[in-house]
Amino acid sequence: MTATITPTTGSHSAILGLGAYRPERVVTNEEICEKIDSTDEWIRTRSGIRSRRFAAVGESAVTMGIEAGRKAIEAAGLEAGQVDCIIMATSSHYSQTPQSSTLVADALGLTSPGSFDLSAGCAGFCHGLAVASDLIRAGSAKHVLVVGVDHMSPSLDMTDRTSCFIFGDGAGAVVVGPSETPGIGPVVWGSDGSQAQAIRQVPTWQAMVETDTFEHPWMRMEGQAVFRWAAFTIGKVAKEALDASAVGIEDLDAFVPHQANQRINELIVRGLKLPESVPVADDIVETANTSAASIPLAMEKMLREGQAPAGGMALLVGFGAGLSYAGQVVRLPEAPVKS
């Protein structure tokens, strides 16, 4: 390929290594339908999902993040002590404090790293990747571990027919570091807070504290509202991300949209007029929507199965709670994937 990502200012950044963690437990549509009035065919037709992974007892966003992070560092050919910052993109670290990033950093043996959690729902990984790239380019960090992880299953009301079949658990991580050539393009991001209630926690923690009562905090989603918003908005974001990096759609080796719904992604692909030669991530079929873990897990699957080439040009677009979105063009890592 001759296309390059247009550099911005400062030094360049790139993805140096990629790691993934998928829980062992496979949950089929048939199992989901034991508690709701639905069928495997209905779920597959409306979402593309055939199965998902649920974390085991004792697993969490922290434990899954540790596994994915360790693999990413190994894939990048680094020692843990060479990573000087960690960003955890997650909405499901079920503890107000301490932040999950410090726990993961300690378990991995990182040496006094900058560490913080970032909450941007299903767009979290792309937000974290953008922040990591800017840290490298500004000289604020040398190597940044970005972990996209979500432990969605505890927040799912398994009797809620509108959303219980959509989500799964998992973690994906990348190491971002310096590069002689641009490997991560400028981010295009934004949000629409007027539709914040489309994906929400009910009741909120504050409501429980103020009423001195405890109800299980479930995730609720207005599926049709999210579908309409994503179908209308995300295609434009994808085009803007290509323009921001001065990359033509014909130069892409892969399109990796958030694995929210296969029908949404099909609409985005048609709107982009993506050539049939460009493979589109389809991790949703077996992994469902893993929120902030969705895009790194989808990248891992494409590289592991040979759907996309190592070092190839990929367009990433994340979108979800907030409602928020973020997208950028990247070079897929050259290093072997650790899964």
Protein backbone atom coordinates (compact mmCIF):
# COMPACT_ATOMS: atom_id res chain seq x y z
CA MET A 1 0.00 0.00 0.00
CA THR A 2 1.26 3.52 -0.82
CA ALA A 3 -1.25 5.52 1.24
CA THR A 4 -0.04 7.21 4.40
CA ILE A 5 -1.82 8.91 7.26
CA THR A 6 -1.28 12.66 7.10
CA PRO A 7 0.87 13.68 10.09
CA THR A 8 -0.33 16.37 12.45
CA THR A 9 2.22 17.98 14.77
CA GLY A 10 4.91 16.63 17.07
CA SER A 11 6.19 13.07 16.96
CA HIS A 12 4.26 10.16 15.52
CA SER A 13 2.41 7.37 17.32
CA ALA A 14 1.36 3.84 16.43
CA ILE A 15 -0.18 0.68 17.85
CA LEU A 16 2.75 -1.55 18.79
CA GLY A 17 0.96 -4.56 20.22
CA LEU A 18 -2.55 -6.00 20.65
CA GLY A 19 -3.90 -8.43 23.23
CA ALA A 20 -7.34 -9.90 23.88
CA TYR A 21 -9.19 -11.78 26.59
CA ARG A 22 -12.48 -13.60 26.08
CA PRO A 23 -14.13 -15.39 29.03
CA GLU A 24 -14.51 -19.15 28.66
CA ARG A 25 -18.25 -19.34 29.20
CA VAL A 26 -20.21 -19.27 25.92
CA VAL A 27 -23.85 -18.21 26.27
CA THR A 28 -26.05 -19.15 23.32
CA ASN A 29 -29.23 -17.46 22.16
CA GLU A 30 -31.14 -20.55 23.26
CA GLU A 31 -29.93 -20.02 26.83
CA ILE A 32 -30.91 -16.35 26.71
CA CYS A 33 -34.38 -17.30 25.48
CA GLU A 34 -35.01 -19.46 28.54
CA LYS A 35 -36.02 -16.27 30.40
CA ILE A 36 -37.53 -14.14 27.64
CA ASP A 37 -40.18 -14.64 24.98
CA SER A 38 -37.89 -14.82 21.98
CA THR A 39 -36.06 -17.20 19.64
CA ASP A 40 -32.59 -17.70 18.24
CA GLU A 41 -33.87 -16.65 14.81
CA TRP A 42 -35.43 -13.45 16.16
CA ILE A 43 -32.19 -12.42 17.88
CA ARG A 44 -30.00 -13.26 14.88
CA THR A 45 -32.30 -11.43 12.47
CA ARG A 46 -32.35 -8.22 14.52
CA SER A 47 -28.78 -8.11 15.76
CA GLY A 48 -26.63 -10.70 13.99
CA ILE A 49 -25.70 -12.24 17.35
CA ARG A 50 -25.48 -16.02 17.75
CA SER A 51 -23.65 -16.18 21.10
CA ARG A 52 -21.72 -14.14 23.62
CA ARG A 53 -19.19 -14.69 26.45
CA PHE A 54 -20.03 -14.11 30.12
CA ALA A 55 -17.35 -13.72 32.78
CA ALA A 56 -17.07 -16.41 35.45
CA VAL A 57 -17.59 -15.82 39.16
CA GLY A 58 -14.53 -13.96 40.41
CA GLU A 59 -13.77 -12.37 37.05
CA SER A 60 -14.16 -8.61 36.67
CA ALA A 61 -13.16 -5.66 34.53
CA VAL A 62 -9.89 -5.66 36.47
CA THR A 63 -9.03 -9.35 36.01
CA MET A 64 -9.98 -9.30 32.33
CA GLY A 65 -8.02 -6.07 31.83
CA ILE A 66 -4.96 -7.65 33.42
CA GLU A 67 -5.04 -10.59 30.99
CA ALA A 68 -5.54 -8.45 27.88
CA GLY A 69 -2.95 -5.90 29.04
CA ARG A 70 -0.29 -8.55 29.71
CA LYS A 71 -0.76 -9.96 26.21
CA ALA A 72 -0.58 -6.52 24.58
CA ILE A 73 2.70 -5.69 26.35
CA GLU A 74 4.14 -9.06 25.34
CA ALA A 75 3.00 -8.58 21.73
CA ALA A 76 4.70 -5.17 21.66
CA GLY A 77 7.97 -6.79 22.74
CA LEU A 78 8.21 -4.63 25.87
CA GLU A 79 8.81 -5.15 29.56
CA ALA A 80 6.08 -3.95 31.91
CA GLY A 81 8.40 -1.30 33.34
CA GLN A 82 8.64 0.38 29.92
CA VAL A 83 4.93 1.29 30.00
CA ASP A 84 4.62 4.67 31.73
CA CYS A 85 0.88 5.29 31.43
CA ILE A 86 -2.27 3.18 31.48
CA ILE A 87 -5.76 4.18 30.37
CA MET A 88 -8.69 1.93 31.25
CA ALA A 89 -11.73 2.52 29.05
CA THR A 90 -14.62 0.95 30.96
CA SER A 91 -18.10 1.64 32.27
CA SER A 92 -18.31 -1.47 34.42
CA HIS A 93 -15.68 -1.26 37.14
CA TYR A 94 -18.21 -1.74 39.93
CA SER A 95 -16.37 0.31 42.56
CA GLN A 96 -16.27 4.07 42.88
CA THR A 97 -12.65 3.97 44.06
CA PRO A 98 -9.85 3.10 43.57
CA GLN A 99 -9.89 3.35 39.80
CA SER A 100 -9.41 0.10 37.92
CA SER A 101 -6.31 1.37 36.09
CA THR A 102 -4.19 1.49 39.23
CA LEU A 103 -5.17 -2.07 40.15
CA VAL A 104 -4.35 -3.37 36.68
CA ALA A 105 -1.07 -1.43 36.59
CA ASP A 106 0.02 -2.90 39.92
CA ALA A 107 -0.86 -6.45 38.88
CA LEU A 108 1.10 -6.07 35.65
CA GLY A 109 4.15 -4.64 37.37
CA LEU A 110 4.08 -1.20 35.76
CA THR A 111 6.47 1.19 37.53
CA SER A 112 4.73 4.32 38.89
CA PRO A 113 2.68 4.91 35.73
CA GLY A 114 0.21 7.65 35.08
CA SER A 115 -3.14 5.89 35.40
CA PHE A 116 -6.76 6.82 34.94
CA ASP A 117 -10.12 5.37 33.97
CA LEU A 118 -12.06 6.78 31.05
CA SER A 119 -15.81 6.35 30.72
CA ALA A 120 -17.29 6.93 27.27
CA GLY A 121 -19.43 3.81 26.91
CA CYS A 122 -18.96 1.82 23.75
CA ALA A 123 -16.87 4.64 22.26
CA GLY A 124 -14.42 4.40 25.16
CA PHE A 125 -11.63 2.52 23.41
CA CYS A 126 -11.43 5.01 20.52
CA HIS A 127 -11.41 7.87 23.05
CA GLY A 128 -8.61 6.17 24.98
CA LEU A 129 -6.63 5.50 21.82
CA ALA A 130 -6.89 9.18 20.85
CA VAL A 131 -5.70 10.34 24.27
CA ALA A 132 -2.82 7.86 24.22
CA SER A 133 -1.75 9.01 20.75
CA ASP A 134 -1.74 12.63 21.85
CA LEU A 135 0.28 11.78 24.98
CA ILE A 136 2.93 10.13 22.80
CA ARG A 137 2.99 12.94 20.26
CA ALA A 138 3.27 15.59 22.97
CA GLY A 139 6.09 13.75 24.70
CA SER A 140 4.08 13.24 27.90
CA ALA A 141 4.54 9.45 27.73
CA LYS A 142 6.73 6.96 25.89
CA HIS A 143 4.45 3.91 25.94
CA VAL A 144 0.75 3.89 26.87
CA LEU A 145 -1.33 0.81 27.59
CA VAL A 146 -4.96 1.33 26.50
CA VAL A 147 -7.38 -1.28 27.80
CA GLY A 148 -10.96 -1.46 26.56
CA VAL A 149 -12.89 -3.72 28.91
CA ASP A 150 -16.45 -4.19 30.04
CA HIS A 151 -18.09 -6.64 32.40
CA MET A 152 -21.64 -6.15 31.19
CA SER A 153 -23.35 -9.32 32.41
CA PRO A 154 -23.94 -8.22 36.05
CA SER A 155 -25.82 -5.14 34.81
CA LEU A 156 -28.18 -7.09 32.55
CA ASP A 157 -31.77 -7.78 33.56
CA MET A 158 -32.09 -11.21 31.96
CA THR A 159 -35.89 -10.81 31.80
CA ASP A 160 -35.61 -7.58 29.76
CA ARG A 161 -36.34 -8.68 26.21
CA THR A 162 -35.15 -5.37 24.76
CA SER A 163 -31.50 -5.58 25.79
CA CYS A 164 -30.47 -8.74 27.65
CA PHE A 165 -29.38 -10.56 24.47
CA ILE A 166 -27.21 -7.75 23.12
CA PHE A 167 -24.23 -7.63 25.48
CA GLY A 168 -21.26 -9.76 26.46
CA ASP A 169 -18.05 -9.54 28.48
CA GLY A 170 -14.44 -9.22 27.35
CA ALA A 171 -11.27 -7.14 27.18
CA GLY A 172 -8.94 -5.90 24.46
CA ALA A 173 -5.77 -3.88 24.90
CA VAL A 174 -3.15 -2.12 22.82
CA VAL A 175 0.23 -0.58 23.53
CA VAL A 176 0.67 2.80 21.86
CA GLY A 177 4.19 4.08 21.36
CA PRO A 178 6.43 6.29 19.20
CA SER A 179 6.75 5.64 15.48
CA GLU A 180 8.85 6.99 12.63
CA THR A 181 5.69 7.27 10.52
CA PRO A 182 2.10 8.17 11.48
CA GLY A 183 0.23 5.10 12.69
CA ILE A 184 -2.80 6.74 14.35
CA GLY A 185 -4.74 9.48 12.62
CA PRO A 186 -6.56 12.44 14.18
CA VAL A 187 -9.66 11.54 16.14
CA VAL A 188 -13.12 12.70 15.14
CA TRP A 189 -15.30 12.64 18.22
CA GLY A 190 -18.38 14.17 19.76
CA SER A 191 -21.52 13.55 21.77
CA ASP A 192 -25.24 14.23 21.93
CA GLY A 193 -26.24 14.67 25.55
CA SER A 194 -29.83 15.41 24.60
CA GLN A 195 -30.20 11.65 24.09
CA ALA A 196 -28.25 10.60 27.18
CA GLN A 197 -31.23 8.69 28.59
CA ALA A 198 -31.22 6.30 25.64
CA ILE A 199 -28.62 4.17 27.48
CA ARG A 200 -28.68 4.56 31.25
CA GLN A 201 -28.41 2.91 34.67
CA VAL A 202 -31.67 2.56 36.64
CA PRO A 203 -31.76 3.41 39.46
CA THR A 204 -28.74 5.68 39.76
CA TRP A 205 -26.35 5.33 42.70
CA GLN A 206 -27.40 8.77 43.92
CA ALA A 207 -31.07 7.79 43.92
CA MET A 208 -30.30 4.76 46.07
CA VAL A 209 -28.23 6.82 48.51
CA GLU A 210 -30.85 9.54 48.83
CA THR A 211 -33.68 7.07 49.46
CA ASP A 212 -31.55 4.79 51.64
CA THR A 213 -32.75 1.79 49.66
CA PHE A 214 -30.99 -0.71 47.45
CA GLU A 215 -32.33 -1.92 44.14
CA HIS A 216 -30.21 -3.83 41.68
CA PRO A 217 -28.86 -1.21 39.23
CA TRP A 218 -29.84 -2.44 35.77
CA MET A 219 -28.78 -1.09 32.41
CA ARG A 220 -31.70 0.12 30.32
CA MET A 221 -31.59 0.99 26.64
CA GLU A 222 -34.00 2.57 24.17
CA GLY A 223 -32.95 0.36 21.28
CA GLN A 224 -34.86 2.07 18.49
CA ALA A 225 -33.62 5.53 19.49
CA VAL A 226 -30.01 4.32 19.54
CA PHE A 227 -30.48 2.52 16.22
CA ARG A 228 -31.86 5.63 14.49
CA TRP A 229 -29.15 7.87 15.93
CA ALA A 230 -26.31 5.53 14.98
CA ALA A 231 -27.64 4.85 11.49
CA PHE A 232 -27.92 8.59 10.81
CA THR A 233 -24.77 9.82 12.58
CA ILE A 234 -21.97 7.26 12.40
CA GLY A 235 -21.59 7.09 8.63
CA LYS A 236 -20.81 10.82 8.67
CA VAL A 237 -18.28 10.32 11.47
CA ALA A 238 -16.57 7.57 9.48
CA LYS A 239 -16.26 9.85 6.44
CA GLU A 240 -14.89 12.68 8.58
CA ALA A 241 -12.29 10.36 10.12
CA LEU A 242 -11.10 9.38 6.64
CA ASP A 243 -10.91 13.03 5.59
CA ALA A 244 -9.05 14.00 8.77
CA SER A 245 -6.33 11.44 7.95
CA ALA A 246 -6.35 12.17 4.20
CA VAL A 247 -7.02 8.49 3.53
CA GLY A 248 -9.27 7.38 0.70
CA ILE A 249 -11.81 4.65 1.27
CA GLU A 250 -10.08 2.66 -1.47
CA ASP A 251 -6.90 2.65 0.66
CA LEU A 252 -8.49 0.75 3.54
CA ASP A 253 -7.57 -2.82 4.38
CA ALA A 254 -10.27 -3.15 7.04
CA PHE A 255 -13.30 -1.42 8.53
CA VAL A 256 -13.76 -2.00 12.26
CA PRO A 257 -16.99 -0.43 13.50
CA HIS A 258 -18.23 -0.93 17.04
CA GLN A 259 -19.95 -4.30 17.27
CA ALA A 260 -23.32 -3.00 18.45
CA ASN A 261 -25.67 -4.39 15.86
CA GLN A 262 -24.95 -6.02 12.52
CA ARG A 263 -27.86 -4.19 10.87
CA ILE A 264 -26.43 -0.81 11.93
CA ASN A 265 -23.03 -1.74 10.52
CA GLU A 266 -24.58 -2.85 7.23
CA LEU A 267 -26.27 0.55 6.92
CA ILE A 268 -22.97 2.32 7.63
CA VAL A 269 -21.16 0.20 5.03
CA ARG A 270 -23.79 0.99 2.39
CA GLY A 271 -23.67 4.70 3.21
CA LEU A 272 -19.88 4.73 2.89
CA LYS A 273 -20.08 2.80 -0.40
CA LEU A 274 -17.34 0.62 0.98
CA PRO A 275 -15.78 -1.57 -1.72
CA GLU A 276 -16.53 -5.28 -1.35
CA SER A 277 -12.79 -5.86 -1.23
CA VAL A 278 -12.59 -4.16 2.18
CA PRO A 279 -13.38 -6.67 4.97
CA VAL A 280 -15.76 -5.57 7.74
CA ALA A 281 -15.37 -6.80 11.32
CA ASP A 282 -18.03 -9.31 12.34
CA ASP A 283 -16.99 -10.25 15.88
CA ILE A 284 -20.53 -9.47 17.04
CA VAL A 285 -21.72 -12.85 15.75
CA GLU A 286 -19.92 -14.83 18.45
CA THR A 287 -19.02 -12.15 21.01
CA ALA A 288 -22.01 -9.75 20.93
CA ASN A 289 -21.61 -6.15 22.09
CA THR A 290 -18.74 -5.95 24.57
CA SER A 291 -18.93 -2.15 24.83
CA ALA A 292 -15.45 -0.62 25.24
CA ALA A 293 -13.82 -3.98 24.44
CA SER A 294 -15.67 -4.29 21.15
CA ILE A 295 -13.20 -2.68 18.74
CA PRO A 296 -9.93 -4.18 20.03
CA LEU A 297 -11.57 -7.63 20.18
CA ALA A 298 -12.82 -7.18 16.61
CA MET A 299 -9.33 -6.15 15.46
CA GLU A 300 -7.85 -9.20 17.18
CA LYS A 301 -10.27 -11.54 15.41
CA MET A 302 -9.61 -10.00 11.98
CA LEU A 303 -5.84 -10.32 12.40
CA ARG A 304 -5.98 -13.80 13.94
CA GLU A 305 -8.19 -15.15 11.14
CA GLY A 306 -6.33 -13.37 8.35
CA GLN A 307 -9.27 -11.15 7.40
CA ALA A 308 -6.99 -8.11 7.59
CA PRO A 309 -3.20 -7.85 7.11
CA ALA A 310 -0.77 -6.93 9.86
CA GLY A 311 0.29 -3.34 9.23
CA GLY A 312 -2.82 -2.73 7.13
CA MET A 313 -4.86 0.47 7.17
CA ALA A 314 -8.06 0.27 9.25
CA LEU A 315 -10.90 2.66 9.97
CA LEU A 316 -12.20 2.42 13.55
CA VAL A 317 -15.50 3.91 14.71
CA GLY A 318 -16.95 3.56 18.19
CA PHE A 319 -20.37 4.80 19.35
CA GLY A 320 -22.71 4.31 22.26
CA ALA A 321 -23.71 5.62 25.71
CA GLY A 322 -23.62 9.34 26.15
CA LEU A 323 -24.59 9.30 23.34
CA SER A 324 -20.97 9.52 22.25
CA TYR A 325 -18.81 8.62 19.28
CA ALA A 326 -15.18 8.60 18.19
CA GLY A 327 -13.31 7.37 15.15
CA GLN A 328 -9.84 7.36 13.63
CA VAL A 329 -7.74 5.69 10.96
CA VAL A 330 -4.92 3.46 12.23
CA ARG A 331 -2.24 1.11 11.06
CA LEU A 332 -2.93 -2.34 12.47
CA PRO A 333 0.00 -3.66 14.54
CA GLU A 334 2.78 -5.52 12.80
CA ALA A 335 3.54 -7.60 15.88
CA PRO A 336 1.88 -11.00 16.40
CA VAL A 337 -1.49 -10.79 18.15
CA LYS A 338 -1.80 -12.36 21.60
CA SER A 339 -5.20 -13.92 22.18
